[in-house]
Structure formats: structure tokens, C-alpha cells
PDB file of all heavy atoms in Angstrom:
ATOM      1  N   LYS A   1     -30.564 -61.798  49.815  1.00  0.00           N
ATOM      2  CA  LYS A   1     -31.032 -60.554  50.190  1.00  0.00           C
ATOM      3  C   LYS A   1     -31.070 -59.570  49.113  1.00  0.00           C
ATOM      4  O   LYS A   1     -31.967 -58.651  48.989  1.00  0.00           O
ATOM      5  CB  LYS A   1     -30.009 -59.972  51.306  1.00  0.00           C
ATOM      6  CG  LYS A   1     -30.505 -58.626  51.811  1.00  0.00           C
ATOM      7  CD  LYS A   1     -29.466 -58.150  52.945  1.00  0.00           C
ATOM      8  CE  LYS A   1     -29.830 -56.711  53.427  1.00  0.00           C
ATOM      9  NZ  LYS A   1     -28.943 -56.287  54.407  1.00  0.00           N
ATOM     10  N   GLY A   2     -30.153 -59.762  48.146  1.00  0.00           N
ATOM     11  CA  GLY A   2     -30.006 -58.796  46.920  1.00  0.00           C
ATOM     12  C   GLY A   2     -30.939 -59.027  45.824  1.00  0.00           C
ATOM     13  O   GLY A   2     -31.017 -58.284  44.854  1.00  0.00           O
ATOM     14  N   TYR A   3     -31.646 -60.180  45.812  1.00  0.00           N
ATOM     15  CA  TYR A   3     -32.552 -60.563  44.800  1.00  0.00           C
ATOM     16  C   TYR A   3     -33.949 -60.117  45.130  1.00  0.00           C
ATOM     17  O   TYR A   3     -34.368 -60.344  46.241  1.00  0.00           O
ATOM     18  CB  TYR A   3     -32.422 -62.108  44.576  1.00  0.00           C
ATOM     19  CG  TYR A   3     -33.556 -62.518  43.593  1.00  0.00           C
ATOM     20  CD1 TYR A   3     -33.531 -62.314  42.271  1.00  0.00           C
ATOM     21  CD2 TYR A   3     -34.744 -63.170  44.057  1.00  0.00           C
ATOM     22  CE1 TYR A   3     -34.574 -62.669  41.397  1.00  0.00           C
ATOM     23  CE2 TYR A   3     -35.768 -63.526  43.285  1.00  0.00           C
ATOM     24  CZ  TYR A   3     -35.739 -63.322  41.868  1.00  0.00           C
ATOM     25  OH  TYR A   3     -36.727 -63.674  41.025  1.00  0.00           O
ATOM     26  N   LYS A   4     -34.723 -59.656  44.058  1.00  0.00           N
ATOM     27  CA  LYS A   4     -36.053 -59.326  44.305  1.00  0.00           C
ATOM     28  C   LYS A   4     -36.957 -59.454  43.097  1.00  0.00           C
ATOM     29  O   LYS A   4     -36.466 -59.239  42.062  1.00  0.00           O
ATOM     30  CB  LYS A   4     -36.158 -57.849  44.902  1.00  0.00           C
ATOM     31  CG  LYS A   4     -35.611 -56.768  43.990  1.00  0.00           C
ATOM     32  CD  LYS A   4     -35.435 -55.401  44.675  1.00  0.00           C
ATOM     33  CE  LYS A   4     -36.649 -54.901  45.218  1.00  0.00           C
ATOM     34  NZ  LYS A   4     -36.439 -53.598  45.921  1.00  0.00           N
ATOM     35  N   VAL A   5     -38.081 -59.922  43.426  1.00  0.00           N
ATOM     36  CA  VAL A   5     -39.090 -59.823  42.347  1.00  0.00           C
ATOM     37  C   VAL A   5     -39.805 -58.437  42.398  1.00  0.00           C
ATOM     38  O   VAL A   5     -40.453 -58.100  43.402  1.00  0.00           O
ATOM     39  CB  VAL A   5     -40.197 -61.063  42.526  1.00  0.00           C
ATOM     40  CG1 VAL A   5     -41.268 -61.011  41.479  1.00  0.00           C
ATOM     41  CG2 VAL A   5     -39.490 -62.322  42.677  1.00  0.00           C
ATOM     42  N   ILE A   6     -39.775 -57.746  41.315  1.00  0.00           N
ATOM     43  CA  ILE A   6     -40.212 -56.381  41.171  1.00  0.00           C
ATOM     44  C   ILE A   6     -41.732 -56.309  40.878  1.00  0.00           C
ATOM     45  O   ILE A   6     -42.052 -57.023  39.976  1.00  0.00           O
ATOM     46  CB  ILE A   6     -39.538 -55.562  40.194  1.00  0.00           C
ATOM     47  CG1 ILE A   6     -37.932 -55.676  40.366  1.00  0.00           C
ATOM     48  CG2 ILE A   6     -39.888 -54.166  40.132  1.00  0.00           C
ATOM     49  CD1 ILE A   6     -37.391 -55.126  41.619  1.00  0.00           C
ATOM     50  N   THR A   7     -42.532 -55.722  41.682  1.00  0.00           N
ATOM     51  CA  THR A   7     -43.947 -55.561  41.451  1.00  0.00           C
ATOM     52  C   THR A   7     -44.313 -54.179  41.225  1.00  0.00           C
ATOM     53  O   THR A   7     -45.428 -53.907  40.768  1.00  0.00           O
ATOM     54  CB  THR A   7     -44.650 -56.096  42.702  1.00  0.00           C
ATOM     55  OG1 THR A   7     -44.364 -55.384  43.800  1.00  0.00           O
ATOM     56  CG2 THR A   7     -44.470 -57.549  42.853  1.00  0.00           C
ATOM     57  N   SER A   8     -43.492 -53.181  41.452  1.00  0.00           N
ATOM     58  CA  SER A   8     -43.659 -51.726  41.258  1.00  0.00           C
ATOM     59  C   SER A   8     -43.302 -51.354  39.874  1.00  0.00           C
ATOM     60  O   SER A   8     -42.173 -51.520  39.487  1.00  0.00           O
ATOM     61  CB  SER A   8     -43.007 -51.026  42.311  1.00  0.00           C
ATOM     62  OG  SER A   8     -42.985 -49.625  41.886  1.00  0.00           O
ATOM     63  N   ALA A   9     -44.189 -50.800  39.125  1.00  0.00           N
ATOM     64  CA  ALA A   9     -43.907 -50.329  37.816  1.00  0.00           C
ATOM     65  C   ALA A   9     -43.022 -49.005  37.864  1.00  0.00           C
ATOM     66  O   ALA A   9     -42.228 -48.811  36.967  1.00  0.00           O
ATOM     67  CB  ALA A   9     -45.263 -49.893  37.023  1.00  0.00           C
ATOM     68  N   THR A  10     -43.093 -48.345  38.958  1.00  0.00           N
ATOM     69  CA  THR A  10     -42.207 -47.169  39.183  1.00  0.00           C
ATOM     70  C   THR A  10     -40.777 -47.646  39.316  1.00  0.00           C
ATOM     71  O   THR A  10     -39.951 -47.036  38.738  1.00  0.00           O
ATOM     72  CB  THR A  10     -42.739 -46.305  40.406  1.00  0.00           C
ATOM     73  OG1 THR A  10     -44.046 -45.974  40.211  1.00  0.00           O
ATOM     74  CG2 THR A  10     -41.766 -45.185  40.696  1.00  0.00           C
ATOM     75  N   GLU A  11     -40.629 -48.717  40.078  1.00  0.00           N
ATOM     76  CA  GLU A  11     -39.206 -49.140  40.391  1.00  0.00           C
ATOM     77  C   GLU A  11     -38.674 -49.649  38.797  1.00  0.00           C
ATOM     78  O   GLU A  11     -37.518 -49.392  38.584  1.00  0.00           O
ATOM     79  CB  GLU A  11     -39.176 -50.292  41.300  1.00  0.00           C
ATOM     80  CG  GLU A  11     -37.731 -50.736  41.626  1.00  0.00           C
ATOM     81  CD  GLU A  11     -37.680 -51.616  42.762  1.00  0.00           C
ATOM     82  OE1 GLU A  11     -38.631 -51.899  43.561  1.00  0.00           O
ATOM     83  OE2 GLU A  11     -36.625 -52.102  43.043  1.00  0.00           O
ATOM     84  N   ALA A  12     -39.521 -50.461  38.217  1.00  0.00           N
ATOM     85  CA  ALA A  12     -39.065 -50.979  36.873  1.00  0.00           C
ATOM     86  C   ALA A  12     -38.759 -49.787  35.850  1.00  0.00           C
ATOM     87  O   ALA A  12     -37.782 -49.924  35.096  1.00  0.00           O
ATOM     88  CB  ALA A  12     -40.028 -51.858  36.361  1.00  0.00           C
ATOM     89  N   GLN A  13     -39.493 -48.743  35.951  1.00  0.00           N
ATOM     90  CA  GLN A  13     -39.271 -47.643  35.059  1.00  0.00           C
ATOM     91  C   GLN A  13     -37.828 -47.110  35.254  1.00  0.00           C
ATOM     92  O   GLN A  13     -37.439 -46.574  34.119  1.00  0.00           O
ATOM     93  CB  GLN A  13     -40.358 -46.518  35.363  1.00  0.00           C
ATOM     94  CG  GLN A  13     -40.407 -45.416  34.363  1.00  0.00           C
ATOM     95  CD  GLN A  13     -41.124 -45.844  33.027  1.00  0.00           C
ATOM     96  OE1 GLN A  13     -42.155 -46.660  33.123  1.00  0.00           O
ATOM     97  NE2 GLN A  13     -40.586 -45.457  31.973  1.00  0.00           N
ATOM     98  N   GLY A  14     -37.253 -47.189  36.386  1.00  0.00           N
ATOM     99  CA  GLY A  14     -35.942 -46.691  36.571  1.00  0.00           C
ATOM    100  C   GLY A  14     -34.892 -47.433  35.632  1.00  0.00           C
ATOM    101  O   GLY A  14     -33.743 -46.922  35.522  1.00  0.00           O
ATOM    102  N   PHE A  15     -35.219 -48.552  35.172  1.00  0.00           N
ATOM    103  CA  PHE A  15     -34.336 -49.473  34.268  1.00  0.00           C
ATOM    104  C   PHE A  15     -34.608 -49.492  32.748  1.00  0.00           C
ATOM    105  O   PHE A  15     -33.999 -50.088  32.047  1.00  0.00           O
ATOM    106  CB  PHE A  15     -34.397 -50.958  34.764  1.00  0.00           C
ATOM    107  CG  PHE A  15     -33.767 -51.101  36.077  1.00  0.00           C
ATOM    108  CD1 PHE A  15     -34.622 -51.038  37.306  1.00  0.00           C
ATOM    109  CD2 PHE A  15     -32.421 -51.186  36.367  1.00  0.00           C
ATOM    110  CE1 PHE A  15     -34.209 -51.283  38.499  1.00  0.00           C
ATOM    111  CE2 PHE A  15     -31.934 -51.426  37.639  1.00  0.00           C
ATOM    112  CZ  PHE A  15     -32.775 -51.527  38.726  1.00  0.00           C
ATOM    113  N   THR A  16     -35.571 -48.551  32.451  1.00  0.00           N
ATOM    114  CA  THR A  16     -35.864 -48.314  31.089  1.00  0.00           C
ATOM    115  C   THR A  16     -34.856 -47.418  30.253  1.00  0.00           C
ATOM    116  O   THR A  16     -34.171 -46.666  31.093  1.00  0.00           O
ATOM    117  CB  THR A  16     -37.192 -47.801  30.832  1.00  0.00           C
ATOM    118  OG1 THR A  16     -37.252 -46.370  31.490  1.00  0.00           O
ATOM    119  CG2 THR A  16     -38.347 -48.656  31.348  1.00  0.00           C
ATOM    120  N   PRO A  17     -34.766 -47.593  28.954  1.00  0.00           N
ATOM    121  CA  PRO A  17     -33.652 -46.766  28.241  1.00  0.00           C
ATOM    122  C   PRO A  17     -33.854 -45.248  28.638  1.00  0.00           C
ATOM    123  O   PRO A  17     -32.885 -44.476  28.769  1.00  0.00           O
ATOM    124  CB  PRO A  17     -33.938 -47.150  26.797  1.00  0.00           C
ATOM    125  CG  PRO A  17     -34.619 -48.444  26.784  1.00  0.00           C
ATOM    126  CD  PRO A  17     -35.455 -48.585  28.141  1.00  0.00           C
ATOM    127  N   GLY A  18     -35.059 -44.697  28.753  1.00  0.00           N
ATOM    128  CA  GLY A  18     -35.200 -43.376  29.006  1.00  0.00           C
ATOM    129  C   GLY A  18     -34.631 -42.705  30.436  1.00  0.00           C
ATOM    130  O   GLY A  18     -34.048 -41.760  30.402  1.00  0.00           O
ATOM    131  N   ASN A  19     -34.580 -43.687  31.247  1.00  0.00           N
ATOM    132  CA  ASN A  19     -34.021 -43.427  32.540  1.00  0.00           C
ATOM    133  C   ASN A  19     -32.619 -43.923  32.826  1.00  0.00           C
ATOM    134  O   ASN A  19     -31.692 -43.208  33.242  1.00  0.00           O
ATOM    135  CB  ASN A  19     -34.912 -43.797  33.715  1.00  0.00           C
ATOM    136  CG  ASN A  19     -36.249 -43.071  33.822  1.00  0.00           C
ATOM    137  OD1 ASN A  19     -36.342 -41.905  33.831  1.00  0.00           O
ATOM    138  ND2 ASN A  19     -37.405 -43.759  33.732  1.00  0.00           N
ATOM    139  N   PHE A  20     -32.494 -45.176  32.490  1.00  0.00           N
ATOM    140  CA  PHE A  20     -31.252 -45.842  32.906  1.00  0.00           C
ATOM    141  C   PHE A  20     -30.002 -45.360  32.058  1.00  0.00           C
ATOM    142  O   PHE A  20     -28.870 -45.372  32.604  1.00  0.00           O
ATOM    143  CB  PHE A  20     -31.329 -47.432  32.761  1.00  0.00           C
ATOM    144  CG  PHE A  20     -30.245 -48.200  33.495  1.00  0.00           C
ATOM    145  CD1 PHE A  20     -30.156 -48.151  34.878  1.00  0.00           C
ATOM    146  CD2 PHE A  20     -29.353 -48.906  32.765  1.00  0.00           C
ATOM    147  CE1 PHE A  20     -29.331 -48.842  35.616  1.00  0.00           C
ATOM    148  CE2 PHE A  20     -28.332 -49.678  33.491  1.00  0.00           C
ATOM    149  CZ  PHE A  20     -28.405 -49.655  34.838  1.00  0.00           C
ATOM    150  N   ILE A  21     -30.163 -45.033  30.806  1.00  0.00           N
ATOM    151  CA  ILE A  21     -29.029 -44.605  29.924  1.00  0.00           C
ATOM    152  C   ILE A  21     -29.310 -43.223  29.311  1.00  0.00           C
ATOM    153  O   ILE A  21     -28.776 -42.815  28.356  1.00  0.00           O
ATOM    154  CB  ILE A  21     -28.712 -45.653  28.933  1.00  0.00           C
ATOM    155  CG1 ILE A  21     -29.951 -45.959  28.131  1.00  0.00           C
ATOM    156  CG2 ILE A  21     -28.150 -46.836  29.444  1.00  0.00           C
ATOM    157  CD1 ILE A  21     -29.573 -46.811  26.770  1.00  0.00           C
ATOM    158  N   ALA A  22     -30.315 -42.420  29.992  1.00  0.00           N
ATOM    159  CA  ALA A  22     -30.633 -41.136  29.394  1.00  0.00           C
ATOM    160  C   ALA A  22     -31.028 -41.103  27.960  1.00  0.00           C
ATOM    161  O   ALA A  22     -30.516 -40.361  27.232  1.00  0.00           O
ATOM    162  CB  ALA A  22     -29.561 -40.206  29.673  1.00  0.00           C
ATOM    163  N   GLY A  23     -31.700 -42.253  27.562  1.00  0.00           N
ATOM    164  CA  GLY A  23     -31.956 -42.421  26.155  1.00  0.00           C
ATOM    165  C   GLY A  23     -32.797 -41.365  25.380  1.00  0.00           C
ATOM    166  O   GLY A  23     -32.578 -41.262  24.210  1.00  0.00           O
ATOM    167  N   GLY A  24     -33.592 -40.577  26.067  1.00  0.00           N
ATOM    168  CA  GLY A  24     -34.245 -39.613  25.379  1.00  0.00           C
ATOM    169  C   GLY A  24     -33.311 -38.547  24.879  1.00  0.00           C
ATOM    170  O   GLY A  24     -33.946 -37.746  23.900  1.00  0.00           O
ATOM    171  N   SER A  25     -32.167 -38.386  25.211  1.00  0.00           N
ATOM    172  CA  SER A  25     -31.236 -37.355  24.798  1.00  0.00           C
ATOM    173  C   SER A  25     -30.400 -37.811  23.659  1.00  0.00           C
ATOM    174  O   SER A  25     -29.597 -36.918  23.075  1.00  0.00           O
ATOM    175  CB  SER A  25     -30.381 -36.790  26.010  1.00  0.00           C
ATOM    176  OG  SER A  25     -29.463 -37.927  26.384  1.00  0.00           O
ATOM    177  N   TRP A  26     -30.398 -39.115  23.257  1.00  0.00           N
ATOM    178  CA  TRP A  26     -29.487 -39.454  22.244  1.00  0.00           C
ATOM    179  C   TRP A  26     -29.982 -40.648  21.330  1.00  0.00           C
ATOM    180  O   TRP A  26     -29.499 -40.882  20.141  1.00  0.00           O
ATOM    181  CB  TRP A  26     -28.135 -39.811  22.811  1.00  0.00           C
ATOM    182  CG  TRP A  26     -28.125 -41.116  23.672  1.00  0.00           C
ATOM    183  CD1 TRP A  26     -28.404 -41.062  25.033  1.00  0.00           C
ATOM    184  CD2 TRP A  26     -27.718 -42.353  23.363  1.00  0.00           C
ATOM    185  NE1 TRP A  26     -28.236 -42.388  25.546  1.00  0.00           N
ATOM    186  CE2 TRP A  26     -27.913 -43.298  24.521  1.00  0.00           C
ATOM    187  CE3 TRP A  26     -27.150 -43.011  22.360  1.00  0.00           C
ATOM    188  CZ2 TRP A  26     -27.463 -44.485  24.676  1.00  0.00           C
ATOM    189  CZ3 TRP A  26     -26.839 -44.385  22.293  1.00  0.00           C
ATOM    190  CH2 TRP A  26     -27.086 -45.150  23.526  1.00  0.00           C
ATOM    191  N   LEU A  27     -30.889 -41.513  21.736  1.00  0.00           N
ATOM    192  CA  LEU A  27     -31.254 -42.687  20.999  1.00  0.00           C
ATOM    193  C   LEU A  27     -31.942 -42.317  19.627  1.00  0.00           C
ATOM    194  O   LEU A  27     -31.729 -43.000  18.655  1.00  0.00           O
ATOM    195  CB  LEU A  27     -32.122 -43.615  21.880  1.00  0.00           C
ATOM    196  CG  LEU A  27     -31.496 -44.478  22.842  1.00  0.00           C
ATOM    197  CD1 LEU A  27     -32.569 -45.300  23.569  1.00  0.00           C
ATOM    198  CD2 LEU A  27     -30.418 -45.316  22.191  1.00  0.00           C
ATOM    199  N   LYS A  28     -32.713 -41.182  19.688  1.00  0.00           N
ATOM    200  CA  LYS A  28     -33.352 -40.763  18.598  1.00  0.00           C
ATOM    201  C   LYS A  28     -32.167 -40.477  17.302  1.00  0.00           C
ATOM    202  O   LYS A  28     -32.561 -40.614  16.146  1.00  0.00           O
ATOM    203  CB  LYS A  28     -34.176 -39.516  18.723  1.00  0.00           C
ATOM    204  CG  LYS A  28     -34.919 -38.957  17.478  1.00  0.00           C
ATOM    205  CD  LYS A  28     -35.728 -37.645  18.056  1.00  0.00           C
ATOM    206  CE  LYS A  28     -36.617 -37.203  16.786  1.00  0.00           C
ATOM    207  NZ  LYS A  28     -37.369 -36.020  17.184  1.00  0.00           N
ATOM    208  N   ASN A  29     -31.205 -39.999  17.781  1.00  0.00           N
ATOM    209  CA  ASN A  29     -30.141 -39.732  16.814  1.00  0.00           C
ATOM    210  C   ASN A  29     -29.493 -40.910  16.164  1.00  0.00           C
ATOM    211  O   ASN A  29     -28.716 -40.634  15.117  1.00  0.00           O
ATOM    212  CB  ASN A  29     -29.014 -38.764  17.606  1.00  0.00           C
ATOM    213  CG  ASN A  29     -29.532 -37.713  18.366  1.00  0.00           C
ATOM    214  OD1 ASN A  29     -30.634 -37.200  18.127  1.00  0.00           O
ATOM    215  ND2 ASN A  29     -28.762 -37.400  19.397  1.00  0.00           N
ATOM    216  N   THR A  30     -29.644 -42.048  16.658  1.00  0.00           N
ATOM    217  CA  THR A  30     -28.920 -43.234  16.101  1.00  0.00           C
ATOM    218  C   THR A  30     -29.694 -43.624  14.719  1.00  0.00           C
ATOM    219  O   THR A  30     -29.173 -44.342  13.866  1.00  0.00           O
ATOM    220  CB  THR A  30     -29.196 -44.466  17.008  1.00  0.00           C
ATOM    221  OG1 THR A  30     -30.431 -44.815  17.230  1.00  0.00           O
ATOM    222  CG2 THR A  30     -28.375 -44.028  18.417  1.00  0.00           C
ATOM    223  N   GLY A  31     -31.133 -43.358  14.628  1.00  0.00           N
ATOM    224  CA  GLY A  31     -31.768 -43.822  13.454  1.00  0.00           C
ATOM    225  C   GLY A  31     -32.301 -45.192  13.686  1.00  0.00           C
ATOM    226  O   GLY A  31     -33.080 -45.843  12.765  1.00  0.00           O
ATOM    227  N   PHE A  32     -31.932 -45.759  14.896  1.00  0.00           N
ATOM    228  CA  PHE A  32     -32.439 -47.099  15.223  1.00  0.00           C
ATOM    229  C   PHE A  32     -33.716 -47.079  15.836  1.00  0.00           C
ATOM    230  O   PHE A  32     -33.998 -46.134  16.600  1.00  0.00           O
ATOM    231  CB  PHE A  32     -31.388 -47.900  16.068  1.00  0.00           C
ATOM    232  CG  PHE A  32     -30.033 -48.026  15.465  1.00  0.00           C
ATOM    233  CD1 PHE A  32     -28.972 -48.388  16.282  1.00  0.00           C
ATOM    234  CD2 PHE A  32     -29.862 -47.874  14.022  1.00  0.00           C
ATOM    235  CE1 PHE A  32     -27.685 -48.460  15.758  1.00  0.00           C
ATOM    236  CE2 PHE A  32     -28.616 -47.989  13.604  1.00  0.00           C
ATOM    237  CZ  PHE A  32     -27.497 -48.390  14.408  1.00  0.00           C
ATOM    238  N   PRO A  33     -34.611 -48.245  15.798  1.00  0.00           N
ATOM    239  CA  PRO A  33     -35.814 -48.219  16.580  1.00  0.00           C
ATOM    240  C   PRO A  33     -35.501 -48.374  18.139  1.00  0.00           C
ATOM    241  O   PRO A  33     -34.448 -48.899  18.542  1.00  0.00           O
ATOM    242  CB  PRO A  33     -36.558 -49.459  16.066  1.00  0.00           C
ATOM    243  CG  PRO A  33     -35.436 -50.356  15.546  1.00  0.00           C
ATOM    244  CD  PRO A  33     -34.361 -49.395  14.935  1.00  0.00           C
ATOM    245  N   PHE A  34     -36.418 -47.957  18.974  1.00  0.00           N
ATOM    246  CA  PHE A  34     -36.177 -48.093  20.371  1.00  0.00           C
ATOM    247  C   PHE A  34     -37.526 -47.671  21.178  1.00  0.00           C
ATOM    248  O   PHE A  34     -38.434 -46.980  20.491  1.00  0.00           O
ATOM    249  CB  PHE A  34     -35.067 -47.120  20.891  1.00  0.00           C
ATOM    250  CG  PHE A  34     -35.387 -45.602  20.722  1.00  0.00           C
ATOM    251  CD1 PHE A  34     -35.994 -44.902  21.605  1.00  0.00           C
ATOM    252  CD2 PHE A  34     -34.967 -44.971  19.494  1.00  0.00           C
ATOM    253  CE1 PHE A  34     -36.218 -43.476  21.547  1.00  0.00           C
ATOM    254  CE2 PHE A  34     -35.226 -43.687  19.320  1.00  0.00           C
ATOM    255  CZ  PHE A  34     -35.917 -42.875  20.196  1.00  0.00           C
TER     256      PHE A  34
END
């Protein structure tokens, strides 16, 4: 029941660094690519 094949880009977008770990507010400061 808990497994799913994702087809929605909107749902997948929630797991990107920008959303999942608020990456837009801190990843730039690392100097690393992302």
C-alpha cells in the first residue's frame, strides 16, 4: 500500500533539494555544485 510509482512531476518536485531540505536558503553557501 505504501509503495507507488510516481508519475506526477509536481509530487516528485516535493523531494528535490529546493523543497525537501530548503536548499535554496543554504546550498549556495557551501560552494558545492547542486
